[in-house]
Protein backbone atom coordinates (compact mmCIF):
# COMPACT_ATOMS: atom_id res chain seq x y z
CA MET A 1 110.78 22.81 114.46
CA ASP A 2 109.83 19.14 114.28
CA GLY A 3 106.81 17.77 112.42
CA TYR A 4 104.69 17.31 115.53
CA THR A 5 105.14 20.93 116.60
CA LEU A 6 104.25 22.19 113.08
CA GLN A 7 101.15 20.03 112.95
CA ALA A 8 100.05 21.29 116.38
CA ASN A 9 100.51 24.88 115.31
CA ASN A 10 98.47 24.28 112.15
CA VAL A 11 95.66 22.76 114.19
CA LYS A 12 95.76 25.71 116.57
CA ILE A 13 95.63 28.23 113.72
CA GLU A 14 92.79 26.32 112.03
CA GLY A 15 90.87 26.37 115.30
CA MET A 16 91.38 30.10 115.57
CA PHE A 17 90.02 30.55 112.04
CA HIS A 18 86.97 28.44 112.85
CA SER A 19 86.35 30.44 116.03
CA ALA A 20 86.68 33.73 114.16
CA ALA A 21 84.34 32.53 111.44
CA PHE A 22 81.83 31.41 114.06
CA PHE A 23 81.86 34.76 115.82
CA ILE A 24 81.55 36.62 112.50
CA GLU A 25 78.60 34.42 111.51
CA VAL A 26 76.94 35.04 114.87
CA ALA A 27 77.48 38.80 114.52
CA VAL A 28 76.01 38.80 111.01
CA GLN A 29 73.00 36.76 112.13
CA ARG A 30 72.38 39.16 115.03
CA LYS A 31 72.61 42.13 112.71
CA VAL A 32 70.19 40.50 110.27
CA MET A 33 67.80 39.67 113.12
CA ARG A 34 67.90 43.28 114.32
CA LYS A 35 67.06 44.50 110.81
CA MET A 36 64.24 41.98 110.49
CA LYS A 37 62.82 43.02 113.85
CA LYS A 38 63.02 46.67 112.79
CA MET A 39 61.30 45.90 109.46
CA LYS A 40 58.69 43.83 111.26
CA GLY A 41 57.98 46.73 113.56
CA THR A 42 57.66 49.11 110.61
CA LEU A 43 55.32 46.72 108.81
CA LEU A 44 53.16 46.40 111.91
CA VAL A 45 52.93 50.19 112.18
CA LEU A 46 51.97 50.52 108.50
CA LEU A 47 49.40 47.74 108.83
CA ALA A 48 47.89 49.42 111.87
CA CYS A 49 47.66 52.76 110.02
CA ALA A 50 45.99 51.09 107.04
CA MET A 51 43.43 49.41 109.30
CA LEU A 52 42.68 52.71 111.06
CA THR A 53 42.23 54.48 107.70
CA ALA A 54 39.88 51.77 106.45
CA CYS A 55 37.82 51.93 109.62
CA SER A 56 37.64 55.72 109.35
CA ASN A 57 36.41 55.56 105.74
CA ASN A 58 33.82 52.94 106.52
CA SER A 59 32.52 54.90 109.47
CA GLY A 60 31.96 57.96 107.21
CA GLU A 61 29.86 56.04 104.69
CA LYS A 62 26.29 55.28 105.47
CA ALA A 63 24.51 52.50 103.71
CA GLN A 64 21.77 53.84 101.46
CA PRO A 65 18.49 52.01 101.73
CA THR A 66 17.17 50.50 98.51
CA LYS A 67 14.09 52.31 97.29
CA VAL A 68 11.12 50.09 96.69
CA ASN A 69 7.88 50.68 94.88
CA PRO A 70 4.50 50.04 96.54
CA GLU A 71 4.54 46.42 95.35
CA GLY A 72 7.76 45.79 97.25
CA ALA A 73 10.03 45.31 94.23
CA PRO A 74 13.07 47.58 93.83
CA ALA A 75 12.21 50.79 92.01
CA PRO A 76 13.68 51.05 88.48
CA ALA A 77 16.63 53.36 87.97
CA PRO A 78 15.67 56.79 86.60
CA ALA A 79 16.03 57.03 82.83
CA GLU A 80 18.83 59.20 81.50
CA THR A 81 17.67 62.46 79.96
CA LYS A 82 19.45 64.55 77.39
CA ALA A 83 19.99 68.23 77.92
CA ASN A 84 17.60 69.57 75.30
CA ASN A 85 15.88 72.94 75.08
CA ASP A 86 13.54 71.95 72.25
CA PHE A 87 9.99 73.27 72.52
CA LYS A 88 10.35 74.54 76.09
CA GLY A 89 7.86 77.11 77.32
CA GLU A 90 4.18 77.69 77.97
CA PRO A 91 1.95 75.49 75.77
CA ILE A 92 -0.92 77.14 73.90
CA LYS A 93 -4.23 75.42 74.43
CA ASP A 94 -5.89 74.25 71.19
CA SER A 95 -3.12 75.64 69.00
CA LYS A 96 -3.91 75.20 65.29
CA GLY A 97 -0.45 75.97 64.01
CA LEU A 98 0.10 77.80 60.73
CA PRO A 99 -1.63 77.35 57.37
CA GLU A 100 0.33 74.98 55.13
CA PRO A 101 2.40 76.98 52.63
CA SER A 102 2.45 76.30 48.91
CA GLN A 103 6.24 75.96 49.09
CA ILE A 104 9.10 76.32 51.56
CA ASN A 105 12.33 78.06 50.63
CA VAL A 106 15.38 76.90 52.60
CA TYR A 107 18.22 79.45 52.80
CA LYS A 108 21.50 77.89 53.85
CA TYR A 109 24.58 80.12 53.90
CA GLY A 110 24.21 81.55 50.42
CA ASN A 111 22.34 78.63 48.87
CA LYS A 112 18.60 78.38 48.29
CA LYS A 113 16.50 75.24 47.97
CA THR A 114 12.76 75.05 47.32
CA LEU A 115 10.63 72.28 48.82
CA LYS A 116 7.19 71.27 47.62
CA SER A 117 4.45 69.54 49.58
CA THR A 118 5.47 66.20 48.06
CA ASP A 119 8.93 66.36 49.67
CA ALA A 120 9.48 64.45 52.92
CA ASP A 121 11.41 67.34 54.48
CA PHE A 122 8.51 69.69 53.66
CA LYS A 123 6.11 67.68 55.80
CA LYS A 124 8.60 67.39 58.67
CA ILE A 125 9.32 71.13 58.64
CA VAL A 126 5.59 71.90 58.77
CA GLU A 127 5.14 69.46 61.65
CA LEU A 128 8.00 70.90 63.72
CA THR A 129 7.06 74.51 62.94
CA ASN A 130 3.49 73.93 64.12
CA LYS A 131 4.93 72.41 67.27
CA ARG A 132 7.00 75.56 67.74
CA VAL A 133 4.12 77.99 67.37
CA GLY A 134 2.21 75.82 69.83
CA ILE A 135 4.40 77.40 72.54
CA VAL A 136 3.85 81.00 73.64
CA GLY A 137 6.37 83.26 71.87
CA GLU A 138 7.45 86.82 72.58
CA ILE A 139 7.09 90.00 70.53
CA VAL A 140 10.54 91.62 70.12
CA PRO A 141 10.32 95.00 68.33
CA THR A 142 13.27 95.94 66.10
CA GLN A 143 14.37 98.71 63.75
CA GLU A 144 16.58 96.41 61.70
CA THR A 145 14.04 94.13 60.06
CA GLU A 146 15.36 94.49 56.50
CA LEU A 147 18.98 94.00 57.57
CA SER A 148 18.12 90.97 59.69
CA ILE A 149 16.20 89.27 56.88
CA GLU A 150 18.91 90.05 54.31
CA LYS A 151 21.62 88.57 56.54
CA ALA A 152 19.53 85.49 57.33
CA THR A 153 18.56 84.69 53.73
CA LYS A 154 21.89 85.52 52.07
CA LEU A 155 24.50 84.68 54.67
CA GLY A 156 22.80 82.64 57.36
CA LEU A 157 20.25 79.90 57.93
CA ALA A 158 16.51 80.48 57.47
CA ILE A 159 13.32 79.09 55.98
CA GLU A 160 10.47 80.93 54.27
CA TYR A 161 6.85 79.91 54.10
CA VAL A 162 5.50 81.13 50.77
CA TYR A 163 1.72 81.34 50.25
CA ASP A 164 -0.03 81.73 46.90
CA LYS A 165 -2.14 84.49 48.41
CA PRO A 166 -2.25 86.25 51.80
CA VAL A 167 -3.57 83.99 54.54
CA GLU A 168 -4.73 84.74 58.05
CA HIS A 169 -3.48 83.00 61.17
CA GLU A 170 -3.02 83.71 64.85
CA ILE A 171 0.03 83.43 67.09
CA VAL A 172 0.05 83.79 70.87
CA ALA A 173 3.03 85.78 72.15
CA LYS A 174 3.99 87.80 75.19
CA GLU A 175 3.92 91.55 74.72
CA LYS A 176 5.40 94.09 77.08
CA GLN A 177 2.71 96.27 78.61
CA GLY A 178 4.12 98.62 81.22
CA ASP A 179 6.25 96.59 83.61
CA LYS A 180 4.63 93.30 82.68
CA LYS A 181 4.62 90.87 79.79
CA VAL A 182 1.12 89.79 78.86
CA ASN A 183 0.02 86.98 76.56
CA THR A 184 -1.42 88.52 73.41
CA THR A 185 -3.06 86.93 70.38
CA VAL A 186 -1.34 88.36 67.32
CA LYS A 187 -3.57 88.29 64.24
CA VAL A 188 -1.38 87.91 61.20
CA THR A 189 -2.14 88.26 57.51
CA SER A 190 0.84 87.15 55.50
CA LYS A 191 2.01 86.00 52.12
CA SER A 192 5.46 85.17 53.46
CA ASP A 193 6.75 84.05 56.86
CA ILE A 194 10.50 83.95 57.43
CA PHE A 195 11.99 81.95 60.30
CA VAL A 196 15.61 82.72 61.24
CA PHE A 197 17.94 80.05 62.67
CA SER A 198 21.30 81.83 62.85
CA GLY A 199 22.96 84.97 64.17
CA ASN A 200 21.69 87.39 66.79
CA ASP A 201 18.15 87.16 65.38
CA SER A 202 17.96 83.39 65.72
CA ASP A 203 14.49 82.00 66.58
CA ARG A 204 12.66 85.08 65.24
CA MET A 205 9.70 84.90 62.89
CA TYR A 206 9.08 87.79 60.46
CA TYR A 207 5.85 88.01 58.47
CA SER A 208 4.82 90.07 55.45
CA GLU A 209 1.39 90.69 53.96
CA ASP A 210 2.73 91.44 50.48
CA GLY A 211 5.85 89.26 50.60
CA LYS A 212 8.11 92.33 50.43
CA THR A 213 7.73 94.49 53.52
CA TYR A 214 8.10 92.63 56.80
CA THR A 215 6.90 93.48 60.29
CA ASP A 216 9.05 95.45 62.71
CA LYS A 217 7.55 93.36 65.52
CA PRO A 218 8.90 89.87 64.85
CA ILE A 219 7.98 87.06 67.20
CA ARG A 220 10.67 85.12 68.98
CA LEU A 221 9.73 81.45 69.04
CA THR A 222 10.95 78.64 71.27
CA GLU A 223 14.23 76.91 70.39
CA THR A 224 14.28 73.76 68.31
CA THR A 225 17.52 71.89 67.73
CA GLU A 226 15.66 69.21 65.79
CA LEU A 227 14.36 71.62 63.16
CA THR A 228 17.70 73.41 62.93
CA LYS A 229 19.48 70.11 62.21
CA LEU A 230 16.86 69.19 59.62
CA ILE A 231 17.31 72.31 57.51
CA SER A 232 21.10 72.29 58.00
CA LYS A 233 21.67 68.87 56.43
């Protein structure tokens, strides 16, 4: 084979390679285009679904009109309130509270502390207790007075009003009469009042004329978290 023939064959082979490469490139481009078209179609479908979902959500929400006060200015947002059961109930008109004791004994889980009228906690306890008895209580008869007081003063949380001599005071409380509970004014003569803050007898007030034997008709007073925290500290 002479040189001219060899050169011609090489040119022919090179042309075949170029043609093959061209067709391969075209095939690859077509395949890529098909994939891009398919992806484009998928993206369009997803976009359409997203738009439909957004429209559906917007159609389900109604704009709330802004409340205005009589002067035309937007009404202030309601203040947040804490869940608190302190001093809930029926207020007693012209309640005078209890006579101020000569001392207050605080019984806290086996420990006893005595407060005098000069102590800051003494004055606060008197204030909150008078606020308590300013709400109608309820007479709750029991046959376990001694046990309840012993548990409260030795193992639980309680306070005791101690008077130098028996004093008279009145407490308004509901008393069961037949099928009804009627407000009754309980006239009390006591030398000692014990207020329980723990256990099953929590919120009960026991009173004793001689400071030894307590009533079997204690009065359940309204709850007071504030006073409980004060004597627990």
